[in-house]
Amino acid sequence: MVIVVDIGNTAIDLGIIEEGHIIKTFLFNTNVLKTGDEYAIGFQSLKNGIGIKDEEIEDIVIASVVPSISKRIARALEKTFHKTPILLSRHLKSGIRLKIDHPQELGQDLLCSAVGAKKLNLFPSIIIDLGTATKFIVIDKMSDLVGCIIYPGVQVSFDALAEKAALLMDISFDKPEHVIGKNTIESLKSGAVNGTIALIEGLVNMVEKELGYKTHKIITGGYSNILEGTLGNEYLFDHHLVLKGLYNIYEQNR
């Protein structure tokens, strides 16, 4: 059994892998103010709830885009499961060539997504990761990562809007029946969901035009569920692509 952990700006995604397959996943809120002991309490509750024994755990692997809490969470996991976690670094083999200007700037989640897509033989590809930011990761015909597009995430965008517009309210991001909203809530939902669809379809077309060929299109990330059933069949949904890629990097470096 291997525990894989993706520490994001909004959520911590923890997966349990047996024989190469994800069998369970769990989400924790990312909170930079939490102490290691507070995180350990959450991990201990998880451990007790599903009955994991220390001797069942082969390794723990962590990818993080929040450096300020990476070691804190690693210590909490070690305290809980009595296994020293492996922290993903750019020195580990990934099997992906980075054809970008500053490889050291690439977020670990983006690298893991690219590795996950390559492992599934989904290249060339555009991976659309709907998280705190909306990221487009571009993989070419040679399975090289050739660049990214980063845009404010749907929740971040609406949080910023709410700060500037006192009469707007929190909404759930479910797809409205019509594009043209007849009231404030419908209008906001249309902007969130249909606006995200238009953003994705428009940028995908622009990227494929620049590449000169069609690609696989993969949707992942914490907000990917809001687009389920809204895009064409050419879009593949894989909610755990980062965890799959992280595990594959672990396998390459054993």
C-alpha atoms as a PDB file:
ATOM      1  CA  MET A   1       0.000   0.000   0.000  1.00  0.00           C
ATOM      2  CA  VAL A   2       1.302   3.444  -0.969  1.00  0.00           C
ATOM      3  CA  ILE A   3      -0.162   6.734   0.259  1.00  0.00           C
ATOM      4  CA  VAL A   4       0.099   9.589  -2.263  1.00  0.00           C
ATOM      5  CA  VAL A   5      -0.579  13.158  -1.165  1.00  0.00           C
ATOM      6  CA  ASP A   6      -1.119  16.247  -3.329  1.00  0.00           C
ATOM      7  CA  ILE A   7      -0.908  19.453  -1.274  1.00  0.00           C
ATOM      8  CA  GLY A   8      -2.716  22.218  -3.152  1.00  0.00           C
ATOM      9  CA  ASN A   9      -3.552  25.795  -2.266  1.00  0.00           C
ATOM     10  CA  THR A  10      -7.167  24.939  -1.444  1.00  0.00           C
ATOM     11  CA  ALA A  11      -7.195  21.237  -0.642  1.00  0.00           C
ATOM     12  CA  ILE A  12      -4.986  18.315   0.278  1.00  0.00           C
ATOM     13  CA  ASP A  13      -5.851  15.281  -1.837  1.00  0.00           C
ATOM     14  CA  LEU A  14      -4.778  11.983  -0.260  1.00  0.00           C
ATOM     15  CA  GLY A  15      -5.007   8.713  -2.140  1.00  0.00           C
ATOM     16  CA  ILE A  16      -4.445   5.115  -1.108  1.00  0.00           C
ATOM     17  CA  ILE A  17      -2.954   2.907  -3.815  1.00  0.00           C
ATOM     18  CA  GLU A  18      -2.870  -0.875  -3.865  1.00  0.00           C
ATOM     19  CA  GLU A  19      -1.315  -2.865  -6.702  1.00  0.00           C
ATOM     20  CA  GLY A  20      -1.040   0.291  -8.789  1.00  0.00           C
ATOM     21  CA  HIS A  21      -4.703   1.284  -8.449  1.00  0.00           C
ATOM     22  CA  ILE A  22      -6.271   4.078  -6.413  1.00  0.00           C
ATOM     23  CA  ILE A  23      -8.754   2.416  -4.075  1.00  0.00           C
ATOM     24  CA  LYS A  24      -9.714   5.369  -1.862  1.00  0.00           C
ATOM     25  CA  THR A  25      -9.264   9.141  -1.852  1.00  0.00           C
ATOM     26  CA  PHE A  26      -9.793  11.730   0.863  1.00  0.00           C
ATOM     27  CA  LEU A  27      -9.835  15.539   0.883  1.00  0.00           C
ATOM     28  CA  PHE A  28      -8.602  17.829   3.649  1.00  0.00           C
ATOM     29  CA  ASN A  29      -8.769  21.624   3.648  1.00  0.00           C
ATOM     30  CA  THR A  30      -5.424  23.354   3.206  1.00  0.00           C
ATOM     31  CA  ASN A  31      -4.863  25.760   6.082  1.00  0.00           C
ATOM     32  CA  VAL A  32      -1.442  27.353   6.487  1.00  0.00           C
ATOM     33  CA  LEU A  33      -2.360  28.332  10.061  1.00  0.00           C
ATOM     34  CA  LYS A  34      -2.885  24.739  11.196  1.00  0.00           C
ATOM     35  CA  THR A  35      -0.172  23.188  13.318  1.00  0.00           C
ATOM     36  CA  GLY A  36       1.377  19.835  12.526  1.00  0.00           C
ATOM     37  CA  ASP A  37      -0.470  18.336  15.497  1.00  0.00           C
ATOM     38  CA  GLU A  38      -3.799  19.544  14.100  1.00  0.00           C
ATOM     39  CA  TYR A  39      -3.058  17.912  10.749  1.00  0.00           C
ATOM     40  CA  ALA A  40      -1.952  14.759  12.568  1.00  0.00           C
ATOM     41  CA  ILE A  41      -5.322  14.569  14.328  1.00  0.00           C
ATOM     42  CA  GLY A  42      -7.070  14.553  10.948  1.00  0.00           C
ATOM     43  CA  PHE A  43      -4.746  11.889   9.555  1.00  0.00           C
ATOM     44  CA  GLN A  44      -5.149   9.768  12.696  1.00  0.00           C
ATOM     45  CA  SER A  45      -8.919   9.974  12.367  1.00  0.00           C
ATOM     46  CA  LEU A  46      -8.605   8.771   8.767  1.00  0.00           C
ATOM     47  CA  LYS A  47      -6.274   5.951   9.821  1.00  0.00           C
ATOM     48  CA  ASN A  48      -8.653   4.793  12.532  1.00  0.00           C
ATOM     49  CA  GLY A  49     -11.710   5.129  10.307  1.00  0.00           C
ATOM     50  CA  ILE A  50     -10.471   2.832   7.544  1.00  0.00           C
ATOM     51  CA  GLY A  51      -8.342   0.590   9.720  1.00  0.00           C
ATOM     52  CA  ILE A  52      -4.911   1.036   8.121  1.00  0.00           C
ATOM     53  CA  LYS A  53      -2.096  -0.764   9.921  1.00  0.00           C
ATOM     54  CA  ASP A  54       1.431   0.664   9.876  1.00  0.00           C
ATOM     55  CA  GLU A  55       2.912  -2.529   8.456  1.00  0.00           C
ATOM     56  CA  GLU A  56       0.582  -2.289   5.429  1.00  0.00           C
ATOM     57  CA  ILE A  57       2.133   0.977   4.284  1.00  0.00           C
ATOM     58  CA  GLU A  58       5.089   0.664   1.941  1.00  0.00           C
ATOM     59  CA  ASP A  59       5.702   4.369   1.362  1.00  0.00           C
ATOM     60  CA  ILE A  60       4.181   7.845   1.541  1.00  0.00           C
ATOM     61  CA  VAL A  61       4.835  10.252  -1.344  1.00  0.00           C
ATOM     62  CA  ILE A  62       4.070  13.981  -1.305  1.00  0.00           C
ATOM     63  CA  ALA A  63       3.762  16.596  -4.063  1.00  0.00           C
ATOM     64  CA  SER A  64       3.179  20.167  -2.927  1.00  0.00           C
ATOM     65  CA  VAL A  65       2.662  23.655  -4.305  1.00  0.00           C
ATOM     66  CA  VAL A  66       2.537  25.114  -0.784  1.00  0.00           C
ATOM     67  CA  PRO A  67       6.160  24.965   0.436  1.00  0.00           C
ATOM     68  CA  SER A  68       5.378  26.698   3.735  1.00  0.00           C
ATOM     69  CA  ILE A  69       3.444  23.680   5.030  1.00  0.00           C
ATOM     70  CA  SER A  70       5.032  20.780   3.143  1.00  0.00           C
ATOM     71  CA  LYS A  71       7.393  19.718   5.926  1.00  0.00           C
ATOM     72  CA  ARG A  72       4.736  20.303   8.575  1.00  0.00           C
ATOM     73  CA  ILE A  73       2.353  17.923   6.812  1.00  0.00           C
ATOM     74  CA  ALA A  74       5.159  15.444   6.144  1.00  0.00           C
ATOM     75  CA  ARG A  75       5.935  15.314   9.869  1.00  0.00           C
ATOM     76  CA  ALA A  76       2.228  14.881  10.667  1.00  0.00           C
ATOM     77  CA  LEU A  77       2.009  11.954   8.250  1.00  0.00           C
ATOM     78  CA  GLU A  78       5.159  10.414   9.697  1.00  0.00           C
ATOM     79  CA  LYS A  79       3.788  10.809  13.226  1.00  0.00           C
ATOM     80  CA  THR A  80       0.545   9.112  12.178  1.00  0.00           C
ATOM     81  CA  PHE A  81       1.770   6.286   9.956  1.00  0.00           C
ATOM     82  CA  HIS A  82       5.335   5.830  11.292  1.00  0.00           C
ATOM     83  CA  LYS A  83       6.824   6.066   7.813  1.00  0.00           C
ATOM     84  CA  THR A  84       9.112   8.872   6.579  1.00  0.00           C
ATOM     85  CA  PRO A  85       7.433  10.481   3.536  1.00  0.00           C
ATOM     86  CA  ILE A  86       9.208  11.036   0.235  1.00  0.00           C
ATOM     87  CA  LEU A  87       8.923  14.662  -0.902  1.00  0.00           C
ATOM     88  CA  LEU A  88       8.732  15.095  -4.667  1.00  0.00           C
ATOM     89  CA  SER A  89      11.622  17.166  -6.041  1.00  0.00           C
ATOM     90  CA  ARG A  90      12.842  18.114  -9.512  1.00  0.00           C
ATOM     91  CA  HIS A  91      15.808  15.779  -8.989  1.00  0.00           C
ATOM     92  CA  LEU A  92      13.567  12.710  -9.271  1.00  0.00           C
ATOM     93  CA  LYS A  93      13.057  11.041 -12.640  1.00  0.00           C
ATOM     94  CA  SER A  94       9.674  11.792 -14.201  1.00  0.00           C
ATOM     95  CA  GLY A  95      10.006  10.570 -17.799  1.00  0.00           C
ATOM     96  CA  ILE A  96       8.819  13.981 -19.028  1.00  0.00           C
ATOM     97  CA  ARG A  97      11.099  16.423 -20.834  1.00  0.00           C
ATOM     98  CA  LEU A  98      10.348  20.029 -19.933  1.00  0.00           C
ATOM     99  CA  LYS A  99      10.588  22.249 -23.008  1.00  0.00           C
ATOM    100  CA  ILE A 100       9.961  25.463 -21.065  1.00  0.00           C
ATOM    101  CA  ASP A 101      12.132  28.445 -20.149  1.00  0.00           C
ATOM    102  CA  HIS A 102      12.403  27.877 -16.397  1.00  0.00           C
ATOM    103  CA  PRO A 103      11.707  24.226 -15.451  1.00  0.00           C
ATOM    104  CA  GLN A 104      12.305  24.990 -11.764  1.00  0.00           C
ATOM    105  CA  GLU A 105       9.191  27.186 -11.786  1.00  0.00           C
ATOM    106  CA  LEU A 106       6.844  24.389 -12.861  1.00  0.00           C
ATOM    107  CA  GLY A 107       4.337  23.431 -10.181  1.00  0.00           C
ATOM    108  CA  GLN A 108       4.624  19.851  -8.975  1.00  0.00           C
ATOM    109  CA  ASP A 109       0.933  19.273  -9.614  1.00  0.00           C
ATOM    110  CA  LEU A 110       1.380  20.227 -13.275  1.00  0.00           C
ATOM    111  CA  LEU A 111       4.303  17.843 -13.652  1.00  0.00           C
ATOM    112  CA  CYS A 112       2.318  15.018 -12.029  1.00  0.00           C
ATOM    113  CA  SER A 113      -0.623  15.650 -14.371  1.00  0.00           C
ATOM    114  CA  ALA A 114       1.682  15.441 -17.383  1.00  0.00           C
ATOM    115  CA  VAL A 115       3.226  12.189 -16.118  1.00  0.00           C
ATOM    116  CA  GLY A 116      -0.243  10.774 -15.487  1.00  0.00           C
ATOM    117  CA  ALA A 117      -1.347  11.573 -19.043  1.00  0.00           C
ATOM    118  CA  LYS A 118       1.801  10.028 -20.532  1.00  0.00           C
ATOM    119  CA  LYS A 119       1.340   6.865 -18.451  1.00  0.00           C
ATOM    120  CA  LEU A 120      -2.170   6.560 -19.939  1.00  0.00           C
ATOM    121  CA  ASN A 121      -0.688   7.086 -23.454  1.00  0.00           C
ATOM    122  CA  LEU A 122      -2.751  10.265 -23.801  1.00  0.00           C
ATOM    123  CA  PHE A 123      -0.421  12.460 -25.815  1.00  0.00           C
ATOM    124  CA  PRO A 124      -0.362  14.868 -27.493  1.00  0.00           C
ATOM    125  CA  SER A 125      -2.692  16.328 -24.928  1.00  0.00           C
ATOM    126  CA  ILE A 126      -4.054  19.431 -23.287  1.00  0.00           C
ATOM    127  CA  ILE A 127      -4.707  18.860 -19.590  1.00  0.00           C
ATOM    128  CA  ILE A 128      -7.169  21.329 -18.085  1.00  0.00           C
ATOM    129  CA  ASP A 129      -6.761  21.411 -14.302  1.00  0.00           C
ATOM    130  CA  LEU A 130      -9.630  23.253 -12.622  1.00  0.00           C
ATOM    131  CA  GLY A 131      -8.336  24.153  -9.184  1.00  0.00           C
ATOM    132  CA  THR A 132      -7.482  27.316  -7.285  1.00  0.00           C
ATOM    133  CA  ALA A 133      -6.143  28.389 -10.674  1.00  0.00           C
ATOM    134  CA  THR A 134      -7.340  27.049 -14.019  1.00  0.00           C
ATOM    135  CA  LYS A 135      -4.278  25.552 -15.681  1.00  0.00           C
ATOM    136  CA  PHE A 136      -3.790  24.258 -19.209  1.00  0.00           C
ATOM    137  CA  ILE A 137      -0.793  21.919 -19.513  1.00  0.00           C
ATOM    138  CA  VAL A 138       0.305  21.266 -23.097  1.00  0.00           C
ATOM    139  CA  ILE A 139       1.992  17.964 -24.017  1.00  0.00           C
ATOM    140  CA  ASP A 140       3.224  17.581 -27.609  1.00  0.00           C
ATOM    141  CA  LYS A 141       3.506  14.555 -29.932  1.00  0.00           C
ATOM    142  CA  MET A 142       6.820  13.560 -28.351  1.00  0.00           C
ATOM    143  CA  SER A 143       5.235  13.572 -24.863  1.00  0.00           C
ATOM    144  CA  ASP A 144       7.268  16.680 -23.962  1.00  0.00           C
ATOM    145  CA  LEU A 145       5.708  19.348 -21.770  1.00  0.00           C
ATOM    146  CA  VAL A 146       5.967  22.429 -23.996  1.00  0.00           C
ATOM    147  CA  GLY A 147       4.110  25.043 -21.967  1.00  0.00           C
ATOM    148  CA  CYS A 148       1.162  26.100 -19.841  1.00  0.00           C
ATOM    149  CA  ILE A 149      -1.630  28.637 -19.596  1.00  0.00           C
ATOM    150  CA  ILE A 150      -2.695  29.853 -16.153  1.00  0.00           C
ATOM    151  CA  TYR A 151      -5.957  31.692 -15.459  1.00  0.00           C
ATOM    152  CA  PRO A 152      -7.755  32.551 -12.189  1.00  0.00           C
ATOM    153  CA  GLY A 153      -9.867  29.641 -10.974  1.00  0.00           C
ATOM    154  CA  VAL A 154     -13.643  29.829 -10.996  1.00  0.00           C
ATOM    155  CA  GLN A 155     -13.934  30.153  -7.193  1.00  0.00           C
ATOM    156  CA  VAL A 156     -11.112  32.701  -7.000  1.00  0.00           C
ATOM    157  CA  SER A 157     -12.756  34.775  -9.726  1.00  0.00           C
ATOM    158  CA  PHE A 158     -16.115  34.842  -7.962  1.00  0.00           C
ATOM    159  CA  ASP A 159     -14.558  35.528  -4.574  1.00  0.00           C
ATOM    160  CA  ALA A 160     -12.841  38.560  -6.086  1.00  0.00           C
ATOM    161  CA  LEU A 161     -16.088  39.681  -7.721  1.00  0.00           C
ATOM    162  CA  ALA A 162     -18.010  39.355  -4.453  1.00  0.00           C
ATOM    163  CA  GLU A 163     -15.462  41.587  -2.708  1.00  0.00           C
ATOM    164  CA  LYS A 164     -16.147  44.353  -5.231  1.00  0.00           C
ATOM    165  CA  ALA A 165     -19.907  43.909  -5.609  1.00  0.00           C
ATOM    166  CA  ALA A 166     -21.750  43.980  -2.306  1.00  0.00           C
ATOM    167  CA  LEU A 167     -25.070  42.720  -3.694  1.00  0.00           C
ATOM    168  CA  LEU A 168     -23.657  39.492  -5.109  1.00  0.00           C
ATOM    169  CA  MET A 169     -23.889  36.303  -3.097  1.00  0.00           C
ATOM    170  CA  ASP A 170     -22.246  32.906  -2.842  1.00  0.00           C
ATOM    171  CA  ILE A 171     -23.601  30.424  -5.374  1.00  0.00           C
ATOM    172  CA  SER A 172     -23.344  26.726  -6.118  1.00  0.00           C
ATOM    173  CA  PHE A 173     -21.654  26.043  -9.427  1.00  0.00           C
ATOM    174  CA  ASP A 174     -24.274  23.816 -11.025  1.00  0.00           C
ATOM    175  CA  LYS A 175     -25.120  24.329 -14.692  1.00  0.00           C
ATOM    176  CA  PRO A 176     -28.114  26.642 -15.289  1.00  0.00           C
ATOM    177  CA  GLU A 177     -30.834  25.697 -17.747  1.00  0.00           C
ATOM    178  CA  HIS A 178     -30.199  28.731 -19.947  1.00  0.00           C
ATOM    179  CA  VAL A 179     -27.160  30.721 -21.030  1.00  0.00           C
ATOM    180  CA  ILE A 180     -29.039  33.997 -20.601  1.00  0.00           C
ATOM    181  CA  GLY A 181     -29.772  34.428 -16.905  1.00  0.00           C
ATOM    182  CA  LYS A 182     -33.140  35.849 -15.855  1.00  0.00           C
ATOM    183  CA  ASN A 183     -32.070  36.631 -12.285  1.00  0.00           C
ATOM    184  CA  THR A 184     -28.859  37.233 -10.370  1.00  0.00           C
ATOM    185  CA  ILE A 185     -28.262  33.624  -9.331  1.00  0.00           C
ATOM    186  CA  GLU A 186     -28.864  32.242 -12.844  1.00  0.00           C
ATOM    187  CA  SER A 187     -26.670  34.961 -14.319  1.00  0.00           C
ATOM    188  CA  LEU A 188     -23.821  34.155 -11.940  1.00  0.00           C
ATOM    189  CA  LYS A 189     -24.121  30.426 -12.569  1.00  0.00           C
ATOM    190  CA  SER A 190     -24.074  30.975 -16.311  1.00  0.00           C
ATOM    191  CA  GLY A 191     -20.974  33.108 -15.983  1.00  0.00           C
ATOM    192  CA  ALA A 192     -19.257  30.488 -13.826  1.00  0.00           C
ATOM    193  CA  VAL A 193     -20.160  27.370 -15.794  1.00  0.00           C
ATOM    194  CA  ASN A 194     -20.765  28.556 -19.348  1.00  0.00           C
ATOM    195  CA  GLY A 195     -17.946  31.059 -19.046  1.00  0.00           C
ATOM    196  CA  THR A 196     -15.571  28.270 -18.012  1.00  0.00           C
ATOM    197  CA  ILE A 197     -16.779  26.091 -20.902  1.00  0.00           C
ATOM    198  CA  ALA A 198     -16.197  28.934 -23.369  1.00  0.00           C
ATOM    199  CA  LEU A 199     -12.756  29.594 -21.893  1.00  0.00           C
ATOM    200  CA  ILE A 200     -11.776  25.938 -22.237  1.00  0.00           C
ATOM    201  CA  GLU A 201     -13.120  25.462 -25.750  1.00  0.00           C
ATOM    202  CA  GLY A 202     -11.640  28.736 -26.959  1.00  0.00           C
ATOM    203  CA  LEU A 203      -8.154  28.162 -25.537  1.00  0.00           C
ATOM    204  CA  VAL A 204      -8.103  24.522 -26.655  1.00  0.00           C
ATOM    205  CA  ASN A 205      -8.830  25.645 -30.229  1.00  0.00           C
ATOM    206  CA  MET A 206      -6.083  28.267 -30.037  1.00  0.00           C
ATOM    207  CA  VAL A 207      -3.541  25.795 -28.632  1.00  0.00           C
ATOM    208  CA  GLU A 208      -4.329  23.142 -31.254  1.00  0.00           C
ATOM    209  CA  LYS A 209      -4.024  25.766 -33.981  1.00  0.00           C
ATOM    210  CA  GLU A 210      -0.616  26.787 -32.625  1.00  0.00           C
ATOM    211  CA  LEU A 211       0.545  23.165 -32.341  1.00  0.00           C
ATOM    212  CA  GLY A 212      -0.783  22.325 -35.784  1.00  0.00           C
ATOM    213  CA  TYR A 213      -2.574  19.130 -34.749  1.00  0.00           C
ATOM    214  CA  LYS A 214      -5.400  17.753 -32.630  1.00  0.00           C
ATOM    215  CA  THR A 215      -4.843  16.601 -29.072  1.00  0.00           C
ATOM    216  CA  HIS A 216      -6.371  14.509 -26.342  1.00  0.00           C
ATOM    217  CA  LYS A 217      -8.256  16.765 -23.939  1.00  0.00           C
ATOM    218  CA  ILE A 218      -8.288  15.837 -20.244  1.00  0.00           C
ATOM    219  CA  ILE A 219     -10.240  17.602 -17.493  1.00  0.00           C
ATOM    220  CA  THR A 220      -9.060  17.218 -13.903  1.00  0.00           C
ATOM    221  CA  GLY A 221      -8.870  19.181 -10.656  1.00  0.00           C
ATOM    222  CA  GLY A 222     -11.097  19.983  -7.698  1.00  0.00           C
ATOM    223  CA  TYR A 223     -13.697  21.937  -9.691  1.00  0.00           C
ATOM    224  CA  SER A 224     -13.828  19.534 -12.638  1.00  0.00           C
ATOM    225  CA  ASN A 225     -17.113  18.089 -11.340  1.00  0.00           C
ATOM    226  CA  ILE A 226     -18.975  21.286 -12.308  1.00  0.00           C
ATOM    227  CA  LEU A 227     -18.364  20.480 -15.985  1.00  0.00           C
ATOM    228  CA  GLU A 228     -19.421  16.822 -15.920  1.00  0.00           C
ATOM    229  CA  GLY A 229     -21.775  16.232 -18.827  1.00  0.00           C
ATOM    230  CA  THR A 230     -21.307  19.711 -20.298  1.00  0.00           C
ATOM    231  CA  LEU A 231     -18.472  19.133 -22.778  1.00  0.00           C
ATOM    232  CA  GLY A 232     -18.250  16.937 -25.880  1.00  0.00           C
ATOM    233  CA  ASN A 233     -17.112  13.311 -25.957  1.00  0.00           C
ATOM    234  CA  GLU A 234     -13.602  14.354 -26.929  1.00  0.00           C
ATOM    235  CA  TYR A 235     -13.057  15.575 -23.347  1.00  0.00           C
ATOM    236  CA  LEU A 236     -11.950  12.897 -20.888  1.00  0.00           C
ATOM    237  CA  PHE A 237     -12.551  13.455 -17.168  1.00  0.00           C
ATOM    238  CA  ASP A 238      -9.950  12.060 -14.767  1.00  0.00           C
ATOM    239  CA  HIS A 239     -10.358  13.483 -11.271  1.00  0.00           C
ATOM    240  CA  HIS A 240      -7.247  11.753  -9.887  1.00  0.00           C
ATOM    241  CA  LEU A 241      -4.723  12.431 -12.651  1.00  0.00           C
ATOM    242  CA  VAL A 242      -2.281  14.197 -10.305  1.00  0.00           C
ATOM    243  CA  LEU A 243      -2.273  11.298  -7.834  1.00  0.00           C
ATOM    244  CA  LYS A 244      -1.770   8.791 -10.664  1.00  0.00           C
ATOM    245  CA  GLY A 245       1.149  10.798 -12.005  1.00  0.00           C
ATOM    246  CA  LEU A 246       2.677  11.170  -8.544  1.00  0.00           C
ATOM    247  CA  TYR A 247       2.522   7.405  -8.046  1.00  0.00           C
ATOM    248  CA  ASN A 248       4.132   6.837 -11.447  1.00  0.00           C
ATOM    249  CA  ILE A 249       7.030   9.145 -10.508  1.00  0.00           C
ATOM    250  CA  TYR A 250       7.402   7.166  -7.301  1.00  0.00           C
ATOM    251  CA  GLU A 251       7.536   3.929  -9.294  1.00  0.00           C
ATOM    252  CA  GLN A 252      10.234   5.311 -11.601  1.00  0.00           C
ATOM    253  CA  ASN A 253      12.446   6.207  -8.643  1.00  0.00           C
ATOM    254  CA  ARG A 254      12.096   3.104  -6.436  1.00  0.00           C
END
